[in-house]
Amino acid sequence: MDREMTHSQTDVILDSINEGVFTVGMDWRISTFNRAAERITGIDRREAIGQACCDVFHANICEQACPLRKTFDSGRPVVNATAHIVNNQGARVPIRISTAILRDNRGKVIGGVETFQDLSRIEQLQKALTDRYTFEDIVGRSESMRQLFRVLPFIAESSSTVLIEGPSGTGKELFARAIHNLSARRKKRFVAVNCAALPDTLLESELFGHKAGAFTDARRDKPGRFELADGGTILLDEIGDISEALQARLLRVLQDRCIEPLGAVRPKPVNIRVVAATNKNLAELVRSGKFREDLYYRVRVVHLVLPSLEQRREDIPLLIDYLVNKFNRMQGKGIAGVSADVAARLMTHDYPGNVRELENIIEQAFVLCRGGLIEMHHLPPELRGVGHGAGGTAGPMSLDHMQRCLIAETLTFFKGNRALTAQALGIHPTTLYRKIQAHHIDIPRRDGRGTRR
């Protein structure tokens, strides 16, 4: 009788949990299946019990990366692995999984237990958040980025030459492509040329092309990048590095919209939109006599200045989520995200390489992380310890400022739902309310207190 009471109490406890729970014996057949498991899978427990778990879940990791099998093999639990299952209606359901071994009173292994959480709601929120703050693969929620997002469609409508200035790794080519993709020229080519990658003579031939016989080994006509971009857009990346002689030829292109291939006897008209980009200050180069003033004003009709990542730290959590999702798709992995320690470390890094550096950090972590969360030991050595290596910890953001950013980010993620925000942050709702008041944080206009995960 006592044993039946214990079993009944266990069922009540399991059914009160919001996460799906099931157990299997050593034969991999399901012995326990709680109410949340029924809800998430759409399968009645009477149908599930006695079935092999792979026949019930149809998960993408059942064959090669089963978390329960890993737990049996290693003796260690799996925490926060991610996967997708197919429910009884054929719909794909994202889940987060944790596993453990079951033992009897004598310590003998008798099976395993797996808990799983339905991430559909969180995935929808992430997608809504990403869609809201992603513009043509450019990610940002800071005011400086929002201002750029607002003006890009208007810039794209025109045919004016655009100069994009910003430090290396800030996404200048992404902005140039966005201008092209939003314009009436989007069905024609977007051609990018790195002006710093080639010596002057080769760059001239690359840009303008040549006619057969123009020089030794020129056996046939070769169209230049300007000609290839006819009707579309050409990006002149690192324009601050071109020579004075080439500056003069480029000035004629911008003035007359004509090119003269090497060896040609007459100019050839081209219909192109020119976007120039540089990580240098062209105005400074003009003052020092290294860049033609007349070319500068031809290039700088519309001027965009991209902020460094240090100037928009509030975008870092959004960029991390974006990059984790990107590399999950590219590499077929199921990394759940980054740990709290990693998030805090990435928030305080200097980022001399800007977004490109953050992308490289996440990509390296993906190489080392086999599943679950990206932890500190997955980061490059210079980022693992406080003050260790060249990265160190950056001083511009205080702990209070970082805490404010984290709370504001989490509130936005849960659409103002304070209960879910407090739960995610691991603090009491009353503590969260005090911190909101102390940091003067604006709660999102759409309060999510009535929402459910």
Protein backbone atom coordinates (compact mmCIF):
# COMPACT_ATOMS: atom_id res chain seq x y z
CA MET A 1 0.00 0.00 0.00
CA ASP A 2 2.80 2.40 0.91
CA ARG A 3 4.49 1.65 -2.39
CA GLU A 4 1.25 2.47 -4.28
CA MET A 5 0.89 5.71 -2.35
CA THR A 6 4.49 6.65 -3.20
CA HIS A 7 3.91 5.84 -6.85
CA SER A 8 0.71 7.91 -6.87
CA GLN A 9 2.46 10.84 -5.21
CA THR A 10 5.27 10.64 -7.77
CA ASP A 11 2.72 10.79 -10.60
CA VAL A 12 1.09 13.87 -9.03
CA ILE A 13 4.46 15.60 -8.68
CA LEU A 14 5.53 14.78 -12.25
CA ASP A 15 2.20 15.93 -13.66
CA SER A 16 2.50 19.28 -11.87
CA ILE A 17 5.80 20.04 -13.64
CA ASN A 18 5.68 22.27 -16.72
CA GLU A 19 8.54 20.35 -18.36
CA GLY A 20 8.07 17.02 -20.08
CA VAL A 21 9.51 14.08 -18.13
CA PHE A 22 9.90 10.47 -19.21
CA THR A 23 11.91 7.51 -17.98
CA VAL A 24 13.23 4.48 -19.79
CA GLY A 25 14.49 1.10 -18.63
CA MET A 26 17.62 -0.62 -19.86
CA ASP A 27 15.62 -1.85 -22.87
CA TRP A 28 15.04 1.82 -23.95
CA ARG A 29 11.29 1.47 -23.54
CA ILE A 30 9.34 4.27 -21.86
CA SER A 31 8.16 3.49 -18.33
CA THR A 32 6.96 6.95 -17.19
CA PHE A 33 5.44 9.76 -19.27
CA ASN A 34 4.07 12.87 -17.53
CA ARG A 35 1.28 15.22 -18.54
CA ALA A 36 3.61 17.89 -19.97
CA ALA A 37 5.23 15.20 -22.14
CA GLU A 38 1.76 14.39 -23.47
CA ARG A 39 1.08 18.05 -24.21
CA ILE A 40 4.40 18.70 -25.97
CA THR A 41 4.40 15.52 -28.07
CA GLY A 42 0.64 15.24 -28.55
CA ILE A 43 0.87 11.56 -27.60
CA ASP A 44 -1.23 9.96 -24.86
CA ARG A 45 0.86 8.34 -22.13
CA ARG A 46 -1.03 5.08 -22.59
CA GLU A 47 0.31 4.96 -26.14
CA ALA A 48 3.81 6.08 -25.16
CA ILE A 49 4.48 3.72 -22.25
CA GLY A 50 6.08 0.52 -23.46
CA GLN A 51 7.26 2.09 -26.73
CA ALA A 52 10.91 2.71 -27.64
CA CYS A 53 11.61 6.40 -26.96
CA CYS A 54 12.96 6.98 -30.51
CA ASP A 55 9.60 5.77 -31.92
CA VAL A 56 7.74 8.32 -29.79
CA PHE A 57 9.91 11.40 -30.21
CA HIS A 58 11.32 11.18 -33.75
CA ALA A 59 14.04 13.60 -32.68
CA ASN A 60 16.78 14.84 -34.98
CA ILE A 61 19.40 13.58 -32.51
CA CYS A 62 18.06 10.09 -31.84
CA GLU A 63 20.37 8.28 -34.23
CA GLN A 64 23.80 9.78 -33.56
CA ALA A 65 23.68 12.20 -30.64
CA CYS A 66 21.09 10.83 -28.19
CA PRO A 67 21.63 12.67 -24.86
CA LEU A 68 20.43 9.67 -22.83
CA ARG A 69 22.89 7.40 -24.60
CA LYS A 70 25.66 9.91 -23.86
CA THR A 71 24.64 9.84 -20.20
CA PHE A 72 24.68 6.02 -20.11
CA ASP A 73 28.09 5.93 -21.82
CA SER A 74 29.76 8.64 -19.73
CA GLY A 75 27.89 8.34 -16.44
CA ARG A 76 27.45 12.12 -16.46
CA PRO A 77 24.20 14.06 -16.92
CA VAL A 78 23.55 16.15 -20.01
CA VAL A 79 22.30 19.66 -19.29
CA ASN A 80 20.55 22.04 -21.69
CA ALA A 81 21.13 20.19 -24.95
CA THR A 82 18.87 21.36 -27.76
CA ALA A 83 17.02 19.32 -30.37
CA HIS A 84 13.86 19.13 -32.43
CA ILE A 85 11.14 16.51 -32.19
CA VAL A 86 8.18 15.84 -34.47
CA ASN A 87 4.85 15.76 -32.64
CA ASN A 88 1.88 13.56 -33.56
CA GLN A 89 0.61 16.22 -35.98
CA GLY A 90 3.90 16.24 -37.88
CA ALA A 91 4.96 19.66 -36.58
CA ARG A 92 8.57 20.40 -35.69
CA VAL A 93 8.96 21.32 -32.00
CA PRO A 94 12.21 22.80 -30.62
CA ILE A 95 13.11 21.44 -27.16
CA ARG A 96 15.81 21.79 -24.51
CA ILE A 97 16.89 18.51 -22.91
CA SER A 98 18.53 17.39 -19.64
CA THR A 99 19.23 13.78 -18.73
CA ALA A 100 20.32 11.67 -15.73
CA ILE A 101 20.84 8.03 -14.77
CA LEU A 102 18.30 6.19 -12.58
CA ARG A 103 19.67 3.80 -9.93
CA ASP A 104 17.99 1.48 -7.43
CA ASN A 105 18.60 1.47 -3.68
CA ARG A 106 21.81 -0.55 -4.16
CA GLY A 107 23.21 1.86 -6.77
CA LYS A 108 22.57 -0.39 -9.74
CA VAL A 109 21.68 1.41 -12.98
CA ILE A 110 18.09 0.59 -13.87
CA GLY A 111 17.40 3.19 -16.56
CA GLY A 112 17.45 6.87 -17.33
CA VAL A 113 15.33 10.00 -17.04
CA GLU A 114 15.00 12.83 -19.52
CA THR A 115 13.34 16.18 -18.99
CA PHE A 116 12.54 18.42 -21.95
CA GLN A 117 11.18 21.93 -22.29
CA ASP A 118 9.14 23.21 -25.24
CA LEU A 119 11.07 26.15 -26.72
CA SER A 120 8.46 27.07 -29.33
CA ARG A 121 7.39 30.22 -27.51
CA ILE A 122 10.96 31.29 -26.84
CA GLU A 123 11.90 30.57 -30.46
CA GLN A 124 8.98 32.72 -31.63
CA LEU A 125 10.07 35.54 -29.31
CA GLN A 126 13.65 35.25 -30.56
CA LYS A 127 12.48 35.33 -34.16
CA ALA A 128 10.27 38.37 -33.49
CA LEU A 129 13.15 40.09 -31.73
CA THR A 130 15.60 39.22 -34.49
CA ASP A 131 13.19 40.31 -37.24
CA ARG A 132 12.61 43.59 -35.45
CA TYR A 133 16.28 44.37 -35.04
CA THR A 134 17.71 42.80 -38.22
CA PHE A 135 17.87 44.76 -41.44
CA GLU A 136 19.31 43.01 -44.52
CA ASP A 137 21.54 40.85 -42.25
CA ILE A 138 22.62 43.92 -40.26
CA VAL A 139 21.85 43.42 -36.56
CA GLY A 140 21.33 46.23 -34.07
CA ARG A 141 18.94 47.78 -31.60
CA SER A 142 21.02 50.75 -30.41
CA GLU A 143 19.85 54.22 -31.33
CA SER A 144 22.82 54.75 -33.65
CA MET A 145 21.89 51.63 -35.62
CA ARG A 146 18.21 52.48 -35.68
CA GLN A 147 19.05 55.86 -37.20
CA LEU A 148 21.01 54.10 -39.94
CA PHE A 149 18.16 51.65 -40.54
CA ARG A 150 15.75 54.57 -40.94
CA VAL A 151 17.79 56.35 -43.62
CA LEU A 152 18.96 53.33 -45.65
CA PRO A 153 15.72 52.94 -47.69
CA PHE A 154 15.85 56.63 -48.67
CA ILE A 155 19.50 56.38 -49.66
CA ALA A 156 18.74 53.28 -51.73
CA GLU A 157 16.02 55.09 -53.68
CA SER A 158 18.53 57.59 -55.05
CA SER A 159 21.45 57.03 -57.42
CA SER A 160 23.82 59.26 -55.47
CA THR A 161 27.35 58.14 -54.65
CA VAL A 162 27.70 57.01 -51.04
CA LEU A 163 30.74 57.10 -48.76
CA ILE A 164 30.66 54.65 -45.83
CA GLU A 165 33.24 55.28 -43.12
CA GLY A 166 33.83 53.08 -40.09
CA PRO A 167 36.43 50.96 -38.32
CA SER A 168 37.37 47.55 -39.72
CA GLY A 169 34.83 44.86 -38.93
CA THR A 170 31.80 47.14 -38.56
CA GLY A 171 30.00 45.77 -41.63
CA LYS A 172 30.63 48.35 -44.33
CA GLU A 173 30.10 45.81 -47.12
CA LEU A 174 26.84 44.67 -45.50
CA PHE A 175 25.56 48.25 -45.62
CA ALA A 176 26.67 48.60 -49.24
CA ARG A 177 24.83 45.38 -50.15
CA ALA A 178 21.74 46.57 -48.27
CA ILE A 179 21.74 49.79 -50.30
CA HIS A 180 21.97 47.72 -53.51
CA ASN A 181 19.32 45.17 -52.45
CA LEU A 182 16.83 47.91 -51.55
CA SER A 183 17.40 49.84 -54.78
CA ALA A 184 15.92 49.55 -58.27
CA ARG A 185 19.29 48.08 -59.31
CA ARG A 186 18.90 44.93 -57.18
CA LYS A 187 18.31 42.67 -60.23
CA LYS A 188 21.70 43.65 -61.61
CA ARG A 189 25.13 42.85 -60.19
CA PHE A 190 26.68 43.99 -56.96
CA VAL A 191 30.45 44.04 -57.52
CA ALA A 192 32.87 44.54 -54.63
CA VAL A 193 36.50 45.53 -55.13
CA ASN A 194 39.07 45.71 -52.31
CA CYS A 195 41.28 48.59 -53.45
CA ALA A 196 43.93 47.78 -50.82
CA ALA A 197 44.39 44.16 -51.92
CA LEU A 198 46.05 44.81 -55.30
CA PRO A 199 49.04 46.86 -56.48
CA ASP A 200 48.20 49.96 -58.49
CA THR A 201 48.82 48.51 -61.98
CA LEU A 202 46.74 45.40 -61.34
CA LEU A 203 43.97 47.40 -59.68
CA GLU A 204 43.72 49.68 -62.71
CA SER A 205 43.32 46.69 -65.03
CA GLU A 206 40.87 45.09 -62.57
CA LEU A 207 38.69 48.21 -62.44
CA PHE A 208 38.79 49.37 -66.06
CA GLY A 209 39.60 46.17 -67.95
CA HIS A 210 41.80 46.02 -71.03
CA LYS A 211 41.71 45.42 -74.75
CA ALA A 212 43.57 42.64 -76.51
CA GLY A 213 47.16 43.69 -77.18
CA ALA A 214 47.15 46.47 -74.56
CA PHE A 215 50.19 44.83 -72.95
CA THR A 216 52.18 41.60 -73.07
CA ASP A 217 49.97 38.53 -72.50
CA ALA A 218 46.77 40.55 -73.11
CA ARG A 219 45.55 38.09 -75.78
CA ARG A 220 41.86 38.96 -75.53
CA ASP A 221 39.56 41.67 -74.21
CA LYS A 222 38.87 41.57 -70.51
CA PRO A 223 35.96 43.55 -69.01
CA GLY A 224 36.74 45.49 -65.83
CA ARG A 225 34.72 45.61 -62.64
CA PHE A 226 33.03 48.87 -63.67
CA GLU A 227 31.77 47.21 -66.85
CA LEU A 228 30.67 44.08 -64.96
CA ALA A 229 28.65 46.31 -62.60
CA ASP A 230 26.87 48.09 -65.46
CA GLY A 231 23.26 48.63 -64.40
CA GLY A 232 24.10 47.66 -60.83
CA THR A 233 26.28 48.78 -57.94
CA ILE A 234 30.04 48.76 -57.43
CA LEU A 235 31.63 48.91 -53.98
CA LEU A 236 35.10 50.48 -53.87
CA ASP A 237 36.27 49.15 -50.52
CA GLU A 238 39.26 50.82 -48.80
CA ILE A 239 39.13 53.70 -51.27
CA GLY A 240 41.52 55.68 -49.04
CA ASP A 241 44.37 53.39 -50.16
CA ILE A 242 44.34 54.11 -53.92
CA SER A 243 47.18 56.09 -55.52
CA GLU A 244 46.91 59.68 -56.76
CA ALA A 245 47.12 58.54 -60.40
CA LEU A 246 44.20 56.17 -59.94
CA GLN A 247 42.32 58.85 -58.03
CA ALA A 248 42.42 61.01 -61.18
CA ARG A 249 40.99 58.20 -63.35
CA LEU A 250 38.29 57.48 -60.77
CA LEU A 251 37.32 61.16 -60.71
CA ARG A 252 36.60 61.01 -64.46
CA VAL A 253 34.38 57.96 -63.97
CA LEU A 254 32.34 59.74 -61.30
CA GLN A 255 32.09 62.92 -63.38
CA ASP A 256 31.33 61.45 -66.80
CA ARG A 257 30.09 57.91 -65.97
CA CYS A 258 32.46 56.66 -68.67
CA ILE A 259 35.40 54.27 -68.51
CA GLU A 260 38.43 53.79 -70.74
CA PRO A 261 39.81 50.24 -70.70
CA LEU A 262 43.56 49.95 -71.14
CA GLY A 263 44.33 50.03 -74.87
CA ALA A 264 40.90 51.44 -75.81
CA VAL A 265 40.63 54.34 -78.28
CA ARG A 266 37.30 55.71 -77.08
CA PRO A 267 35.49 55.89 -73.72
CA LYS A 268 32.64 53.54 -72.89
CA PRO A 269 29.59 54.74 -70.96
CA VAL A 270 28.54 52.79 -67.86
CA ASN A 271 25.39 53.04 -65.75
CA ILE A 272 26.62 52.35 -62.23
CA ARG A 273 25.90 53.26 -58.64
CA VAL A 274 29.17 53.84 -56.75
CA VAL A 275 29.48 53.08 -53.04
CA ALA A 276 32.88 53.77 -51.49
CA ALA A 277 34.04 52.50 -48.10
CA THR A 278 37.05 53.14 -45.92
CA ASN A 279 38.30 52.61 -42.39
CA LYS A 280 40.27 55.85 -42.67
CA ASN A 281 39.19 59.44 -42.21
CA LEU A 282 39.11 60.77 -45.78
CA ALA A 283 38.80 64.37 -44.60
CA GLU A 284 42.11 63.95 -42.74
CA LEU A 285 43.70 62.45 -45.86
CA VAL A 286 42.51 65.47 -47.87
CA ARG A 287 44.05 67.87 -45.34
CA SER A 288 47.34 65.98 -45.47
CA GLY A 289 47.36 66.02 -49.28
CA LYS A 290 47.02 62.25 -49.69
CA PHE A 291 43.52 62.31 -51.21
CA ARG A 292 42.19 64.64 -53.88
CA GLU A 293 39.74 67.18 -52.55
CA ASP A 294 37.66 67.18 -55.77
CA LEU A 295 37.37 63.37 -55.63
CA TYR A 296 36.47 63.53 -51.94
CA TYR A 297 33.44 65.72 -52.64
CA ARG A 298 32.43 63.53 -55.59
CA VAL A 299 32.54 60.46 -53.35
CA ARG A 300 31.01 62.06 -50.27
CA VAL A 301 27.59 62.95 -51.69
CA VAL A 302 25.86 60.81 -49.07
CA HIS A 303 27.92 60.09 -45.96
CA LEU A 304 27.37 57.21 -43.52
CA VAL A 305 29.50 56.72 -40.41
CA LEU A 306 29.25 53.27 -38.80
CA PRO A 307 29.76 53.05 -35.03
CA SER A 308 32.28 50.68 -33.49
CA LEU A 309 30.95 47.80 -31.40
CA GLU A 310 32.32 49.53 -28.30
CA GLN A 311 29.98 52.45 -29.07
CA ARG A 312 26.93 50.15 -29.24
CA ARG A 313 27.48 47.58 -26.51
CA GLU A 314 23.74 47.16 -26.02
CA ASP A 315 23.74 45.33 -29.38
CA ILE A 316 26.12 42.61 -28.15
CA PRO A 317 23.45 40.23 -26.66
CA LEU A 318 21.43 40.49 -29.87
CA LEU A 319 24.51 39.85 -32.00
CA ILE A 320 25.43 36.82 -29.88
CA ASP A 321 21.96 35.30 -30.39
CA TYR A 322 22.13 36.06 -34.11
CA LEU A 323 25.58 34.48 -34.49
CA VAL A 324 24.68 31.39 -32.44
CA ASN A 325 21.63 30.81 -34.65
CA LYS A 326 23.72 31.44 -37.77
CA PHE A 327 26.41 28.89 -36.86
CA ASN A 328 23.80 26.37 -35.69
CA ARG A 329 22.31 26.50 -39.20
CA MET A 330 25.68 26.40 -40.95
CA GLN A 331 27.17 23.59 -38.88
CA GLY A 332 24.04 21.58 -38.11
CA LYS A 333 24.54 21.96 -34.36
CA GLY A 334 22.15 22.65 -31.49
CA ILE A 335 24.11 25.03 -29.26
CA ALA A 336 21.62 26.59 -26.83
CA GLY A 337 23.50 29.88 -26.38
CA VAL A 338 26.16 31.23 -24.03
CA SER A 339 26.46 30.90 -20.27
CA ALA A 340 25.99 33.89 -17.96
CA ASP A 341 29.77 34.10 -17.38
CA VAL A 342 30.45 34.13 -21.11
CA ALA A 343 27.75 36.74 -21.72
CA ALA A 344 29.26 38.99 -19.04
CA ARG A 345 32.76 38.52 -20.46
CA LEU A 346 31.67 39.28 -24.01
CA MET A 347 29.86 42.40 -22.80
CA THR A 348 33.07 43.84 -21.34
CA HIS A 349 35.56 43.00 -24.10
CA ASP A 350 37.20 45.85 -26.07
CA TYR A 351 36.54 44.47 -29.60
CA PRO A 352 39.26 46.20 -31.62
CA GLY A 353 38.03 44.01 -34.51
CA ASN A 354 34.39 44.99 -33.88
CA VAL A 355 31.57 42.69 -35.09
CA ARG A 356 33.99 40.60 -37.16
CA GLU A 357 35.97 39.85 -33.99
CA LEU A 358 32.83 38.84 -32.08
CA GLU A 359 31.86 36.57 -34.98
CA ASN A 360 35.30 34.93 -34.91
CA ILE A 361 35.02 34.38 -31.13
CA ILE A 362 31.63 32.67 -31.49
CA GLU A 363 32.84 30.58 -34.44
CA GLN A 364 35.88 29.36 -32.48
CA ALA A 365 33.62 28.50 -29.53
CA PHE A 366 31.45 26.43 -31.88
CA VAL A 367 34.49 24.38 -32.87
CA LEU A 368 35.15 23.47 -29.21
CA CYS A 369 31.58 23.28 -27.86
CA ARG A 370 29.86 19.97 -28.58
CA GLY A 371 26.44 20.93 -27.22
CA GLY A 372 24.54 22.79 -24.50
CA LEU A 373 25.89 26.24 -23.63
CA ILE A 374 29.12 27.90 -24.69
CA GLU A 375 31.21 28.10 -21.51
CA MET A 376 34.31 30.10 -20.57
CA HIS A 377 36.69 27.27 -21.52
CA HIS A 378 35.35 27.42 -25.09
CA LEU A 379 36.53 31.03 -25.51
CA PRO A 380 39.97 32.07 -26.82
CA PRO A 381 42.63 32.06 -24.05
CA GLU A 382 42.85 35.86 -23.87
CA LEU A 383 39.16 36.05 -22.94
CA ARG A 384 38.99 33.31 -20.31
CA GLY A 385 40.29 35.10 -17.24
CA VAL A 386 39.86 38.54 -15.77
CA GLY A 387 42.81 40.64 -16.88
CA HIS A 388 44.36 37.66 -18.69
CA GLY A 389 45.91 38.22 -22.10
CA ALA A 390 45.68 41.17 -24.43
CA GLY A 391 41.93 41.44 -24.24
CA GLY A 392 41.69 42.12 -20.50
CA THR A 393 38.47 43.57 -19.24
CA ALA A 394 37.34 46.82 -20.73
CA GLY A 395 36.77 49.76 -18.46
CA PRO A 396 34.05 51.68 -20.33
CA MET A 397 31.17 49.69 -18.80
CA SER A 398 30.65 49.56 -15.05
CA LEU A 399 28.97 46.62 -13.30
CA ASP A 400 25.87 48.76 -12.75
CA HIS A 401 25.73 49.62 -16.45
CA MET A 402 26.18 45.98 -17.43
CA GLN A 403 23.44 44.92 -14.99
CA ARG A 404 21.13 47.56 -16.43
CA CYS A 405 21.80 46.33 -20.00
CA LEU A 406 21.18 42.70 -19.01
CA ILE A 407 17.88 43.48 -17.24
CA ALA A 408 16.67 45.70 -20.10
CA GLU A 409 17.62 43.04 -22.66
CA THR A 410 15.80 40.29 -20.76
CA LEU A 411 12.70 42.43 -20.22
CA THR A 412 12.56 43.14 -23.95
CA PHE A 413 13.04 39.45 -24.74
CA PHE A 414 10.02 38.52 -22.60
CA LYS A 415 7.98 41.52 -23.80
CA GLY A 416 7.85 43.12 -20.36
CA ASN A 417 6.85 39.97 -18.45
CA ARG A 418 8.51 40.58 -15.07
CA ALA A 419 7.84 37.10 -13.70
CA LEU A 420 9.58 35.39 -16.62
CA THR A 421 12.36 37.99 -16.56
CA ALA A 422 13.01 37.41 -12.85
CA GLN A 423 12.97 33.64 -13.40
CA ALA A 424 15.45 33.91 -16.28
CA LEU A 425 17.76 36.15 -14.24
CA GLY A 426 17.51 33.91 -11.17
CA ILE A 427 16.20 36.65 -8.87
CA HIS A 428 12.94 37.27 -6.98
CA PRO A 429 10.36 39.44 -8.79
CA THR A 430 10.51 41.94 -5.91
CA THR A 431 14.28 42.23 -6.36
CA LEU A 432 13.77 42.74 -10.10
CA TYR A 433 11.23 45.51 -9.43
CA ARG A 434 13.70 47.31 -7.12
CA LYS A 435 16.45 47.07 -9.73
CA ILE A 436 14.12 48.40 -12.45
CA GLN A 437 13.34 51.39 -10.24
CA ALA A 438 16.99 51.92 -9.23
CA HIS A 439 18.29 51.80 -12.82
CA HIS A 440 15.35 53.79 -14.26
CA ILE A 441 14.67 51.07 -16.82
CA ASP A 442 11.75 51.59 -19.18
CA ILE A 443 9.56 48.50 -19.38
CA PRO A 444 8.54 47.67 -22.99
CA ARG A 445 5.27 49.30 -23.91
CA ARG A 446 3.61 45.94 -24.55
CA ASP A 447 3.57 44.49 -21.04
CA GLY A 448 3.78 40.70 -21.19
CA ARG A 449 2.58 39.90 -17.67
CA GLY A 450 -0.33 37.94 -19.11
CA THR A 451 1.72 35.85 -21.53
CA ARG A 452 2.66 32.22 -21.15
CA ARG A 453 5.71 30.37 -22.34
